[in-house]
Amino acid sequence: MRIDKFLWAVRVFKTRSMSTDRIRDGKVEVEGSPVKPSREVRMGEEITVRQGPVWFSYRVKDLPKARVGPKLVDDYIADTTPEEEREKAAMIRQSRINNTFPQGRPTKKTRRDWNKFIG
């Protein structure tokens, strides 16, 4: 199975075209080296996927015939992401939740304050 189809089938990416684009951008590595979307995946290989500043690692257990349901993903890949990467992802997720920026267009006073701060 092609790696772009595999990553889509095990729900690492939402669409197959997103999977292909990320692979072409060099954000997916197999055994530590960048790959092409057409590369064949073998059982037991280590796949590393960069999503933002975080590198997620997966080990291939088995190859699915088609896209699998969320409950069956664990039958095909094992998450081997290091703990420090998981903590980094959790910290980023928490910072997005605590984002206190106002929504919508800034007021005139806010714009003036920004201009004073920037200089």
PDB file of N, CA and C in Angstrom:
ATOM      1  N   MET A   1       0.845  -1.179   0.000  1.00  0.00           N
ATOM      2  CA  MET A   1       0.000   0.000   0.000  1.00  0.00           C
ATOM      3  C   MET A   1       0.892   1.244   0.000  1.00  0.00           C
ATOM      4  N   ARG A   2       0.503   2.247  -0.765  1.00  0.00           N
ATOM      5  CA  ARG A   2       1.236   3.519  -0.811  1.00  0.00           C
ATOM      6  C   ARG A   2       1.149   4.223   0.539  1.00  0.00           C
ATOM      7  N   ILE A   3       2.192   4.984   0.864  1.00  0.00           N
ATOM      8  CA  ILE A   3       2.222   5.637   2.176  1.00  0.00           C
ATOM      9  C   ILE A   3       1.159   6.725   2.292  1.00  0.00           C
ATOM     10  N   ASP A   4       0.867   7.445   1.198  1.00  0.00           N
ATOM     11  CA  ASP A   4      -0.169   8.479   1.283  1.00  0.00           C
ATOM     12  C   ASP A   4      -1.536   7.846   1.543  1.00  0.00           C
ATOM     13  N   LYS A   5      -1.805   6.739   0.897  1.00  0.00           N
ATOM     14  CA  LYS A   5      -3.074   6.045   1.115  1.00  0.00           C
ATOM     15  C   LYS A   5      -3.125   5.432   2.516  1.00  0.00           C
ATOM     16  N   PHE A   6      -2.005   4.913   2.991  1.00  0.00           N
ATOM     17  CA  PHE A   6      -1.956   4.309   4.320  1.00  0.00           C
ATOM     18  C   PHE A   6      -2.244   5.345   5.402  1.00  0.00           C
ATOM     19  N   LEU A   7      -1.588   6.508   5.341  1.00  0.00           N
ATOM     20  CA  LEU A   7      -1.792   7.541   6.364  1.00  0.00           C
ATOM     21  C   LEU A   7      -3.222   8.059   6.355  1.00  0.00           C
ATOM     22  N   TRP A   8      -3.837   8.100   5.192  1.00  0.00           N
ATOM     23  CA  TRP A   8      -5.239   8.496   5.101  1.00  0.00           C
ATOM     24  C   TRP A   8      -6.128   7.379   5.660  1.00  0.00           C
ATOM     25  N   ALA A   9      -5.810   6.121   5.337  1.00  0.00           N
ATOM     26  CA  ALA A   9      -6.638   4.985   5.749  1.00  0.00           C
ATOM     27  C   ALA A   9      -6.642   4.796   7.260  1.00  0.00           C
ATOM     28  N   VAL A  10      -5.530   5.106   7.919  1.00  0.00           N
ATOM     29  CA  VAL A  10      -5.477   4.947   9.383  1.00  0.00           C
ATOM     30  C   VAL A  10      -5.761   6.266  10.101  1.00  0.00           C
ATOM     31  N   ARG A  11      -6.308   7.212   9.382  1.00  0.00           N
ATOM     32  CA  ARG A  11      -6.825   8.472   9.927  1.00  0.00           C
ATOM     33  C   ARG A  11      -5.786   9.380  10.569  1.00  0.00           C
ATOM     34  N   VAL A  12      -4.564   9.365  10.048  1.00  0.00           N
ATOM     35  CA  VAL A  12      -3.570  10.337  10.480  1.00  0.00           C
ATOM     36  C   VAL A  12      -3.901  11.680   9.833  1.00  0.00           C
ATOM     37  N   PHE A  13      -4.380  11.629   8.572  1.00  0.00           N
ATOM     38  CA  PHE A  13      -4.807  12.827   7.859  1.00  0.00           C
ATOM     39  C   PHE A  13      -6.268  12.683   7.452  1.00  0.00           C
ATOM     40  N   LYS A  14      -6.948  13.816   7.345  1.00  0.00           N
ATOM     41  CA  LYS A  14      -8.375  13.823   7.059  1.00  0.00           C
ATOM     42  C   LYS A  14      -8.677  13.409   5.618  1.00  0.00           C
ATOM     43  N   THR A  15      -7.857  13.854   4.677  1.00  0.00           N
ATOM     44  CA  THR A  15      -8.068  13.505   3.275  1.00  0.00           C
ATOM     45  C   THR A  15      -6.780  12.950   2.685  1.00  0.00           C
ATOM     46  N   ARG A  16      -6.928  12.224   1.586  1.00  0.00           N
ATOM     47  CA  ARG A  16      -5.747  11.652   0.948  1.00  0.00           C
ATOM     48  C   ARG A  16      -4.904  12.740   0.301  1.00  0.00           C
ATOM     49  N   SER A  17      -5.534  13.785  -0.206  1.00  0.00           N
ATOM     50  CA  SER A  17      -4.759  14.872  -0.812  1.00  0.00           C
ATOM     51  C   SER A  17      -3.948  15.621   0.256  1.00  0.00           C
ATOM     52  N   MET A  18      -4.487  15.758   1.471  1.00  0.00           N
ATOM     53  CA  MET A  18      -3.705  16.360   2.557  1.00  0.00           C
ATOM     54  C   MET A  18      -2.498  15.490   2.877  1.00  0.00           C
ATOM     55  N   SER A  19      -2.713  14.188   2.881  1.00  0.00           N
ATOM     56  CA  SER A  19      -1.626  13.247   3.134  1.00  0.00           C
ATOM     57  C   SER A  19      -0.537  13.385   2.077  1.00  0.00           C
ATOM     58  N   THR A  20      -0.927  13.431   0.820  1.00  0.00           N
ATOM     59  CA  THR A  20       0.031  13.564  -0.283  1.00  0.00           C
ATOM     60  C   THR A  20       0.791  14.880  -0.192  1.00  0.00           C
ATOM     61  N   ASP A  21       0.088  15.964   0.108  1.00  0.00           N
ATOM     62  CA  ASP A  21       0.742  17.276   0.212  1.00  0.00           C
ATOM     63  C   ASP A  21       1.767  17.315   1.341  1.00  0.00           C
ATOM     64  N   ARG A  22       1.429  16.760   2.493  1.00  0.00           N
ATOM     65  CA  ARG A  22       2.366  16.746   3.621  1.00  0.00           C
ATOM     66  C   ARG A  22       3.606  15.912   3.311  1.00  0.00           C
ATOM     67  N   ILE A  23       3.403  14.804   2.613  1.00  0.00           N
ATOM     68  CA  ILE A  23       4.547  13.963   2.244  1.00  0.00           C
ATOM     69  C   ILE A  23       5.450  14.707   1.274  1.00  0.00           C
ATOM     70  N   ARG A  24       4.861  15.364   0.295  1.00  0.00           N
ATOM     71  CA  ARG A  24       5.657  16.137  -0.682  1.00  0.00           C
ATOM     72  C   ARG A  24       6.401  17.285  -0.022  1.00  0.00           C
ATOM     73  N   ASP A  25       5.811  17.866   1.038  1.00  0.00           N
ATOM     74  CA  ASP A  25       6.458  18.973   1.754  1.00  0.00           C
ATOM     75  C   ASP A  25       7.576  18.500   2.679  1.00  0.00           C
ATOM     76  N   GLY A  26       7.779  17.197   2.780  1.00  0.00           N
ATOM     77  CA  GLY A  26       8.846  16.658   3.612  1.00  0.00           C
ATOM     78  C   GLY A  26       8.494  16.528   5.077  1.00  0.00           C
ATOM     79  N   LYS A  27       7.207  16.503   5.401  1.00  0.00           N
ATOM     80  CA  LYS A  27       6.790  16.431   6.789  1.00  0.00           C
ATOM     81  C   LYS A  27       6.492  15.008   7.247  1.00  0.00           C
ATOM     82  N   VAL A  28       6.811  14.035   6.389  1.00  0.00           N
ATOM     83  CA  VAL A  28       6.636  12.630   6.732  1.00  0.00           C
ATOM     84  C   VAL A  28       7.942  11.911   6.440  1.00  0.00           C
ATOM     85  N   GLU A  29       8.402  11.125   7.406  1.00  0.00           N
ATOM     86  CA  GLU A  29       9.631  10.360   7.245  1.00  0.00           C
ATOM     87  C   GLU A  29       9.368   8.904   7.597  1.00  0.00           C
ATOM     88  N   VAL A  30      10.059   8.013   6.899  1.00  0.00           N
ATOM     89  CA  VAL A  30      10.010   6.595   7.217  1.00  0.00           C
ATOM     90  C   VAL A  30      11.416   6.173   7.583  1.00  0.00           C
ATOM     91  N   GLU A  31      11.566   5.641   8.792  1.00  0.00           N
ATOM     92  CA  GLU A  31      12.880   5.220   9.292  1.00  0.00           C
ATOM     93  C   GLU A  31      13.897   6.364   9.241  1.00  0.00           C
ATOM     94  N   GLY A  32      13.431   7.608   9.444  1.00  0.00           N
ATOM     95  CA  GLY A  32      14.325   8.758   9.535  1.00  0.00           C
ATOM     96  C   GLY A  32      14.661   9.451   8.235  1.00  0.00           C
ATOM     97  N   SER A  33      14.114   9.011   7.107  1.00  0.00           N
ATOM     98  CA  SER A  33      14.418   9.688   5.844  1.00  0.00           C
ATOM     99  C   SER A  33      13.121  10.077   5.136  1.00  0.00           C
ATOM    100  N   PRO A  34      13.119  11.262   4.471  1.00  0.00           N
ATOM    101  CA  PRO A  34      11.915  11.703   3.768  1.00  0.00           C
ATOM    102  C   PRO A  34      11.570  10.744   2.632  1.00  0.00           C
ATOM    103  N   VAL A  35      10.289  10.674   2.304  1.00  0.00           N
ATOM    104  CA  VAL A  35       9.815   9.730   1.290  1.00  0.00           C
ATOM    105  C   VAL A  35       8.939  10.432   0.261  1.00  0.00           C
ATOM    106  N   LYS A  36       8.612   9.710  -0.798  1.00  0.00           N
ATOM    107  CA  LYS A  36       7.668  10.172  -1.805  1.00  0.00           C
ATOM    108  C   LYS A  36       6.303   9.564  -1.501  1.00  0.00           C
ATOM    109  N   PRO A  37       5.226  10.179  -2.003  1.00  0.00           N
ATOM    110  CA  PRO A  37       3.882   9.648  -1.726  1.00  0.00           C
ATOM    111  C   PRO A  37       3.662   8.230  -2.264  1.00  0.00           C
ATOM    112  N   SER A  38       4.412   7.824  -3.277  1.00  0.00           N
ATOM    113  CA  SER A  38       4.186   6.517  -3.887  1.00  0.00           C
ATOM    114  C   SER A  38       4.960   5.392  -3.205  1.00  0.00           C
ATOM    115  N   ARG A  39       5.718   5.700  -2.168  1.00  0.00           N
ATOM    116  CA  ARG A  39       6.519   4.668  -1.501  1.00  0.00           C
ATOM    117  C   ARG A  39       5.613   3.633  -0.847  1.00  0.00           C
ATOM    118  N   GLU A  40       5.991   2.381  -0.973  1.00  0.00           N
ATOM    119  CA  GLU A  40       5.229   1.285  -0.382  1.00  0.00           C
ATOM    120  C   GLU A  40       5.555   1.164   1.110  1.00  0.00           C
ATOM    121  N   VAL A  41       4.533   0.918   1.914  1.00  0.00           N
ATOM    122  CA  VAL A  41       4.688   0.767   3.358  1.00  0.00           C
ATOM    123  C   VAL A  41       4.787  -0.727   3.675  1.00  0.00           C
ATOM    124  N   ARG A  42       5.674  -1.060   4.603  1.00  0.00           N
ATOM    125  CA  ARG A  42       5.821  -2.446   5.051  1.00  0.00           C
ATOM    126  C   ARG A  42       5.530  -2.534   6.544  1.00  0.00           C
ATOM    127  N   MET A  43       5.110  -3.698   6.972  1.00  0.00           N
ATOM    128  CA  MET A  43       4.813  -3.887   8.389  1.00  0.00           C
ATOM    129  C   MET A  43       6.101  -3.776   9.203  1.00  0.00           C
ATOM    130  N   GLY A  44       5.987  -3.146  10.371  1.00  0.00           N
ATOM    131  CA  GLY A  44       7.123  -2.985  11.264  1.00  0.00           C
ATOM    132  C   GLY A  44       7.899  -1.700  11.064  1.00  0.00           C
ATOM    133  N   GLU A  45       7.599  -0.930  10.029  1.00  0.00           N
ATOM    134  CA  GLU A  45       8.324   0.325   9.783  1.00  0.00           C
ATOM    135  C   GLU A  45       7.870   1.414  10.749  1.00  0.00           C
ATOM    136  N   GLU A  46       8.781   2.334  11.003  1.00  0.00           N
ATOM    137  CA  GLU A  46       8.512   3.481  11.878  1.00  0.00           C
ATOM    138  C   GLU A  46       8.234   4.698  10.996  1.00  0.00           C
ATOM    139  N   ILE A  47       7.049   5.287  11.131  1.00  0.00           N
ATOM    140  CA  ILE A  47       6.659   6.468  10.351  1.00  0.00           C
ATOM    141  C   ILE A  47       6.600   7.651  11.301  1.00  0.00           C
ATOM    142  N   THR A  48       7.257   8.750  10.921  1.00  0.00           N
ATOM    143  CA  THR A  48       7.257   9.970  11.718  1.00  0.00           C
ATOM    144  C   THR A  48       6.559  11.060  10.932  1.00  0.00           C
ATOM    145  N   VAL A  49       5.577  11.712  11.568  1.00  0.00           N
ATOM    146  CA  VAL A  49       4.764  12.735  10.916  1.00  0.00           C
ATOM    147  C   VAL A  49       4.884  14.025  11.706  1.00  0.00           C
ATOM    148  N   ARG A  50       5.214  15.119  11.012  1.00  0.00           N
ATOM    149  CA  ARG A  50       5.304  16.425  11.666  1.00  0.00           C
ATOM    150  C   ARG A  50       3.986  17.163  11.487  1.00  0.00           C
ATOM    151  N   GLN A  51       3.392  17.540  12.601  1.00  0.00           N
ATOM    152  CA  GLN A  51       2.175  18.343  12.579  1.00  0.00           C
ATOM    153  C   GLN A  51       2.438  19.573  13.432  1.00  0.00           C
ATOM    154  N   GLY A  52       2.706  20.693  12.765  1.00  0.00           N
ATOM    155  CA  GLY A  52       3.127  21.897  13.463  1.00  0.00           C
ATOM    156  C   GLY A  52       4.536  21.684  13.978  1.00  0.00           C
ATOM    157  N   PRO A  53       4.814  22.066  15.222  1.00  0.00           N
ATOM    158  CA  PRO A  53       6.163  21.861  15.775  1.00  0.00           C
ATOM    159  C   PRO A  53       6.356  20.488  16.414  1.00  0.00           C
ATOM    160  N   VAL A  54       5.345  19.628  16.358  1.00  0.00           N
ATOM    161  CA  VAL A  54       5.386  18.338  17.045  1.00  0.00           C
ATOM    162  C   VAL A  54       5.590  17.204  16.041  1.00  0.00           C
ATOM    163  N   TRP A  55       6.481  16.255  16.384  1.00  0.00           N
ATOM    164  CA  TRP A  55       6.731  15.063  15.575  1.00  0.00           C
ATOM    165  C   TRP A  55       6.032  13.879  16.233  1.00  0.00           C
ATOM    166  N   PHE A  56       5.052  13.282  15.538  1.00  0.00           N
ATOM    167  CA  PHE A  56       4.356  12.099  16.016  1.00  0.00           C
ATOM    168  C   PHE A  56       4.963  10.869  15.347  1.00  0.00           C
ATOM    169  N   SER A  57       5.142   9.799  16.104  1.00  0.00           N
ATOM    170  CA  SER A  57       5.744   8.571  15.581  1.00  0.00           C
ATOM    171  C   SER A  57       4.743   7.425  15.658  1.00  0.00           C
ATOM    172  N   TYR A  58       4.724   6.611  14.594  1.00  0.00           N
ATOM    173  CA  TYR A  58       3.830   5.463  14.526  1.00  0.00           C
ATOM    174  C   TYR A  58       4.598   4.262  13.999  1.00  0.00           C
ATOM    175  N   ARG A  59       4.266   3.073  14.511  1.00  0.00           N
ATOM    176  CA  ARG A  59       4.827   1.832  14.001  1.00  0.00           C
ATOM    177  C   ARG A  59       3.713   1.087  13.283  1.00  0.00           C
ATOM    178  N   VAL A  60       3.988   0.598  12.077  1.00  0.00           N
ATOM    179  CA  VAL A  60       2.993  -0.087  11.268  1.00  0.00           C
ATOM    180  C   VAL A  60       2.827  -1.510  11.785  1.00  0.00           C
ATOM    181  N   LYS A  61       1.600  -1.859  12.186  1.00  0.00           N
ATOM    182  CA  LYS A  61       1.296  -3.213  12.651  1.00  0.00           C
ATOM    183  C   LYS A  61       0.786  -4.083  11.506  1.00  0.00           C
ATOM    184  N   ASP A  62      -0.120  -3.524  10.707  1.00  0.00           N
ATOM    185  CA  ASP A  62      -0.749  -4.271   9.627  1.00  0.00           C
ATOM    186  C   ASP A  62      -1.213  -3.272   8.572  1.00  0.00           C
ATOM    187  N   LEU A  63      -1.527  -3.755   7.381  1.00  0.00           N
ATOM    188  CA  LEU A  63      -1.969  -2.892   6.289  1.00  0.00           C
ATOM    189  C   LEU A  63      -3.473  -3.079   6.075  1.00  0.00           C
ATOM    190  N   PRO A  64      -4.245  -2.001   6.147  1.00  0.00           N
ATOM    191  CA  PRO A  64      -5.697  -2.123   5.947  1.00  0.00           C
ATOM    192  C   PRO A  64      -6.044  -2.269   4.467  1.00  0.00           C
ATOM    193  N   LYS A  65      -7.201  -2.847   4.194  1.00  0.00           N
ATOM    194  CA  LYS A  65      -7.682  -2.977   2.811  1.00  0.00           C
ATOM    195  C   LYS A  65      -8.267  -1.659   2.312  1.00  0.00           C
ATOM    196  N   ALA A  66      -8.893  -0.911   3.235  1.00  0.00           N
ATOM    197  CA  ALA A  66      -9.520   0.373   2.909  1.00  0.00           C
ATOM    198  C   ALA A  66      -9.464   1.244   4.163  1.00  0.00           C
ATOM    199  N   ARG A  67     -10.044   2.443   4.106  1.00  0.00           N
ATOM    200  CA  ARG A  67     -10.066   3.340   5.261  1.00  0.00           C
ATOM    201  C   ARG A  67     -10.801   2.669   6.410  1.00  0.00           C
ATOM    202  N   VAL A  68     -10.226   2.747   7.598  1.00  0.00           N
ATOM    203  CA  VAL A  68     -10.793   2.051   8.748  1.00  0.00           C
ATOM    204  C   VAL A  68     -11.495   3.037   9.671  1.00  0.00           C
ATOM    205  N   GLY A  69     -12.385   2.521  10.482  1.00  0.00           N
ATOM    206  CA  GLY A  69     -13.089   3.338  11.463  1.00  0.00           C
ATOM    207  C   GLY A  69     -12.166   3.726  12.602  1.00  0.00           C
ATOM    208  N   PRO A  70     -12.516   4.779  13.335  1.00  0.00           N
ATOM    209  CA  PRO A  70     -11.656   5.255  14.417  1.00  0.00           C
ATOM    210  C   PRO A  70     -11.363   4.197  15.480  1.00  0.00           C
ATOM    211  N   LYS A  71     -12.291   3.302  15.747  1.00  0.00           N
ATOM    212  CA  LYS A  71     -12.085   2.281  16.768  1.00  0.00           C
ATOM    213  C   LYS A  71     -11.090   1.211  16.322  1.00  0.00           C
ATOM    214  N   LEU A  72     -10.899   1.056  15.004  1.00  0.00           N
ATOM    215  CA  LEU A  72     -10.028   0.006  14.482  1.00  0.00           C
ATOM    216  C   LEU A  72      -8.616   0.486  14.168  1.00  0.00           C
ATOM    217  N   VAL A  73      -8.335   1.759  14.371  1.00  0.00           N
ATOM    218  CA  VAL A  73      -7.016   2.312  14.038  1.00  0.00           C
ATOM    219  C   VAL A  73      -5.910   1.615  14.824  1.00  0.00           C
ATOM    220  N   ASP A  74      -6.157   1.277  16.073  1.00  0.00           N
ATOM    221  CA  ASP A  74      -5.133   0.646  16.907  1.00  0.00           C
ATOM    222  C   ASP A  74      -4.725  -0.739  16.400  1.00  0.00           C
ATOM    223  N   ASP A  75      -5.543  -1.360  15.551  1.00  0.00           N
ATOM    224  CA  ASP A  75      -5.185  -2.657  14.972  1.00  0.00           C
ATOM    225  C   ASP A  75      -4.127  -2.516  13.882  1.00  0.00           C
ATOM    226  N   TYR A  76      -3.952  -1.299  13.357  1.00  0.00           N
ATOM    227  CA  TYR A  76      -3.064  -1.102  12.212  1.00  0.00           C
ATOM    228  C   TYR A  76      -1.809  -0.289  12.518  1.00  0.00           C
ATOM    229  N   ILE A  77      -1.871   0.605  13.526  1.00  0.00           N
ATOM    230  CA  ILE A  77      -0.689   1.379  13.896  1.00  0.00           C
ATOM    231  C   ILE A  77      -0.562   1.433  15.414  1.00  0.00           C
ATOM    232  N   ALA A  78       0.683   1.555  15.866  1.00  0.00           N
ATOM    233  CA  ALA A  78       0.958   1.743  17.292  1.00  0.00           C
ATOM    234  C   ALA A  78       1.600   3.112  17.456  1.00  0.00           C
ATOM    235  N   ASP A  79       1.060   3.911  18.355  1.00  0.00           N
ATOM    236  CA  ASP A  79       1.598   5.254  18.591  1.00  0.00           C
ATOM    237  C   ASP A  79       2.846   5.139  19.463  1.00  0.00           C
ATOM    238  N   THR A  80       4.001   5.530  18.915  1.00  0.00           N
ATOM    239  CA  THR A  80       5.269   5.464  19.641  1.00  0.00           C
ATOM    240  C   THR A  80       5.857   6.855  19.858  1.00  0.00           C
ATOM    241  N   THR A  81       4.999   7.857  19.933  1.00  0.00           N
ATOM    242  CA  THR A  81       5.437   9.234  20.112  1.00  0.00           C
ATOM    243  C   THR A  81       6.100   9.392  21.482  1.00  0.00           C
ATOM    244  N   PRO A  82       7.293  10.019  21.536  1.00  0.00           N
ATOM    245  CA  PRO A  82       7.956  10.238  22.832  1.00  0.00           C
ATOM    246  C   PRO A  82       7.112  11.134  23.746  1.00  0.00           C
ATOM    247  N   GLU A  83       7.293  10.967  25.051  1.00  0.00           N
ATOM    248  CA  GLU A  83       6.496  11.701  26.031  1.00  0.00           C
ATOM    249  C   GLU A  83       6.699  13.215  25.934  1.00  0.00           C
ATOM    250  N   GLU A  84       7.934  13.673  25.648  1.00  0.00           N
ATOM    251  CA  GLU A  84       8.157  15.122  25.564  1.00  0.00           C
ATOM    252  C   GLU A  84       7.406  15.740  24.385  1.00  0.00           C
ATOM    253  N   GLU A  85       7.234  14.977  23.280  1.00  0.00           N
ATOM    254  CA  GLU A  85       6.452  15.485  22.142  1.00  0.00           C
ATOM    255  C   GLU A  85       4.971  15.558  22.510  1.00  0.00           C
ATOM    256  N   ARG A  86       4.489  14.591  23.264  1.00  0.00           N
ATOM    257  CA  ARG A  86       3.090  14.624  23.715  1.00  0.00           C
ATOM    258  C   ARG A  86       2.841  15.822  24.626  1.00  0.00           C
ATOM    259  N   GLU A  87       3.806  16.104  25.508  1.00  0.00           N
ATOM    260  CA  GLU A  87       3.675  17.259  26.396  1.00  0.00           C
ATOM    261  C   GLU A  87       3.675  18.559  25.610  1.00  0.00           C
ATOM    262  N   LYS A  88       4.524  18.628  24.576  1.00  0.00           N
ATOM    263  CA  LYS A  88       4.566  19.816  23.726  1.00  0.00           C
ATOM    264  C   LYS A  88       3.218  20.027  23.030  1.00  0.00           C
ATOM    265  N   ALA A  89       2.625  18.945  22.519  1.00  0.00           N
ATOM    266  CA  ALA A  89       1.323  19.032  21.851  1.00  0.00           C
ATOM    267  C   ALA A  89       0.236  19.467  22.831  1.00  0.00           C
ATOM    268  N   ALA A  90       0.284  18.933  24.053  1.00  0.00           N
ATOM    269  CA  ALA A  90      -0.708  19.313  25.064  1.00  0.00           C
ATOM    270  C   ALA A  90      -0.573  20.780  25.446  1.00  0.00           C
ATOM    271  N   MET A  91       0.667  21.263  25.542  1.00  0.00           N
ATOM    272  CA  MET A  91       0.897  22.661  25.886  1.00  0.00           C
ATOM    273  C   MET A  91       0.373  23.581  24.779  1.00  0.00           C
ATOM    274  N   ILE A  92       0.601  23.221  23.534  1.00  0.00           N
ATOM    275  CA  ILE A  92       0.108  24.016  22.409  1.00  0.00           C
ATOM    276  C   ILE A  92      -1.421  24.021  22.397  1.00  0.00           C
ATOM    277  N   ARG A  93      -2.018  22.850  22.627  1.00  0.00           N
ATOM    278  CA  ARG A  93      -3.476  22.750  22.651  1.00  0.00           C
ATOM    279  C   ARG A  93      -4.057  23.611  23.769  1.00  0.00           C
ATOM    280  N   GLN A  94      -3.417  23.590  24.943  1.00  0.00           N
ATOM    281  CA  GLN A  94      -3.891  24.383  26.084  1.00  0.00           C
ATOM    282  C   GLN A  94      -3.749  25.877  25.818  1.00  0.00           C
ATOM    283  N   SER A  95      -2.667  26.277  25.155  1.00  0.00           N
ATOM    284  CA  SER A  95      -2.484  27.704  24.873  1.00  0.00           C
ATOM    285  C   SER A  95      -3.534  28.212  23.890  1.00  0.00           C
ATOM    286  N   ARG A  96      -3.970  27.355  22.988  1.00  0.00           N
ATOM    287  CA  ARG A  96      -5.034  27.759  22.061  1.00  0.00           C
ATOM    288  C   ARG A  96      -6.363  27.925  22.778  1.00  0.00           C
ATOM    289  N   ILE A  97      -6.598  27.089  23.782  1.00  0.00           N
ATOM    290  CA  ILE A  97      -7.839  27.188  24.558  1.00  0.00           C
ATOM    291  C   ILE A  97      -7.846  28.465  25.385  1.00  0.00           C
ATOM    292  N   ASN A  98      -6.690  28.816  25.966  1.00  0.00           N
ATOM    293  CA  ASN A  98      -6.593  29.986  26.837  1.00  0.00           C
ATOM    294  C   ASN A  98      -6.363  31.281  26.077  1.00  0.00           C
ATOM    295  N   ASN A  99      -6.458  31.256  24.768  1.00  0.00           N
ATOM    296  CA  ASN A  99      -6.233  32.440  23.955  1.00  0.00           C
ATOM    297  C   ASN A  99      -7.246  33.518  24.333  1.00  0.00           C
ATOM    298  N   THR A 100      -6.761  34.690  24.747  1.00  0.00           N
ATOM    299  CA  THR A 100      -7.651  35.741  25.234  1.00  0.00           C
ATOM    300  C   THR A 100      -7.796  36.891  24.244  1.00  0.00           C
ATOM    301  N   PHE A 101      -7.423  36.682  22.992  1.00  0.00           N
ATOM    302  CA  PHE A 101      -7.566  37.747  22.010  1.00  0.00           C
ATOM    303  C   PHE A 101      -9.041  38.010  21.749  1.00  0.00           C
ATOM    304  N   PRO A 102      -9.409  39.292  21.627  1.00  0.00           N
ATOM    305  CA  PRO A 102     -10.808  39.601  21.359  1.00  0.00           C
ATOM    306  C   PRO A 102     -11.203  39.157  19.950  1.00  0.00           C
ATOM    307  N   GLN A 103     -12.454  38.842  19.802  1.00  0.00           N
ATOM    308  CA  GLN A 103     -12.963  38.428  18.495  1.00  0.00           C
ATOM    309  C   GLN A 103     -13.471  39.643  17.736  1.00  0.00           C
ATOM    310  N   GLY A 104     -13.353  39.601  16.422  1.00  0.00           N
ATOM    311  CA  GLY A 104     -13.884  40.672  15.594  1.00  0.00           C
ATOM    312  C   GLY A 104     -12.887  41.789  15.361  1.00  0.00           C
ATOM    313  N   ARG A 105     -13.394  42.873  14.837  1.00  0.00           N
ATOM    314  CA  ARG A 105     -12.568  44.008  14.476  1.00  0.00           C
ATOM    315  C   ARG A 105     -12.122  44.770  15.721  1.00  0.00           C
ATOM    316  N   PRO A 106     -10.836  45.210  15.768  1.00  0.00           N
ATOM    317  CA  PRO A 106     -10.383  45.948  16.950  1.00  0.00           C
ATOM    318  C   PRO A 106     -10.995  47.348  16.997  1.00  0.00           C
ATOM    319  N   THR A 107     -11.181  47.863  18.212  1.00  0.00           N
ATOM    320  CA  THR A 107     -11.703  49.211  18.375  1.00  0.00           C
ATOM    321  C   THR A 107     -10.586  50.216  18.111  1.00  0.00           C
ATOM    322  N   LYS A 108     -10.960  51.466  18.020  1.00  0.00           N
ATOM    323  CA  LYS A 108      -9.980  52.515  17.765  1.00  0.00           C
ATOM    324  C   LYS A 108      -8.986  52.614  18.922  1.00  0.00           C
ATOM    325  N   LYS A 109      -9.479  52.486  20.149  1.00  0.00           N
ATOM    326  CA  LYS A 109      -8.607  52.539  21.321  1.00  0.00           C
ATOM    327  C   LYS A 109      -7.612  51.375  21.316  1.00  0.00           C
ATOM    328  N   THR A 110      -8.083  50.188  20.974  1.00  0.00           N
ATOM    329  CA  THR A 110      -7.199  49.022  20.919  1.00  0.00           C
ATOM    330  C   THR A 110      -6.114  49.214  19.876  1.00  0.00           C
ATOM    331  N   ARG A 111      -6.479  49.737  18.721  1.00  0.00           N
ATOM    332  CA  ARG A 111      -5.505  49.990  17.656  1.00  0.00           C
ATOM    333  C   ARG A 111      -4.446  51.000  18.111  1.00  0.00           C
ATOM    334  N   ARG A 112      -4.876  52.040  18.820  1.00  0.00           N
ATOM    335  CA  ARG A 112      -3.919  53.037  19.330  1.00  0.00           C
ATOM    336  C   ARG A 112      -2.961  52.401  20.335  1.00  0.00           C
ATOM    337  N   ASP A 113      -3.512  51.560  21.216  1.00  0.00           N
ATOM    338  CA  ASP A 113      -2.661  50.863  22.184  1.00  0.00           C
ATOM    339  C   ASP A 113      -1.636  49.970  21.483  1.00  0.00           C
ATOM    340  N   TRP A 114      -2.049  49.267  20.433  1.00  0.00           N
ATOM    341  CA  TRP A 114      -1.125  48.428  19.678  1.00  0.00           C
ATOM    342  C   TRP A 114      -0.025  49.261  19.024  1.00  0.00           C
ATOM    343  N   ASN A 115      -0.436  50.418  18.467  1.00  0.00           N
ATOM    344  CA  ASN A 115       0.553  51.274  17.801  1.00  0.00           C
ATOM    345  C   ASN A 115       1.560  51.826  18.803  1.00  0.00           C
ATOM    346  N   LYS A 116       1.112  52.151  20.044  1.00  0.00           N
ATOM    347  CA  LYS A 116       2.048  52.612  21.076  1.00  0.00           C
ATOM    348  C   LYS A 116       3.009  51.497  21.450  1.00  0.00           C
ATOM    349  N   PHE A 117       2.481  50.293  21.570  1.00  0.00           N
ATOM    350  CA  PHE A 117       3.305  49.161  21.970  1.00  0.00           C
ATOM    351  C   PHE A 117       4.341  48.823  20.888  1.00  0.00           C
ATOM    352  N   ILE A 118       3.939  48.836  19.638  1.00  0.00           N
ATOM    353  CA  ILE A 118       4.828  48.492  18.524  1.00  0.00           C
ATOM    354  C   ILE A 118       5.846  49.618  18.290  1.00  0.00           C
ATOM    355  N   GLY A 119       5.392  50.843  18.446  1.00  0.00           N
ATOM    356  CA  GLY A 119       6.337  51.963  18.312  1.00  0.00           C
ATOM    357  C   GLY A 119       6.045  52.815  17.203  1.00  0.00           C
TER     358      GLY A 119
END
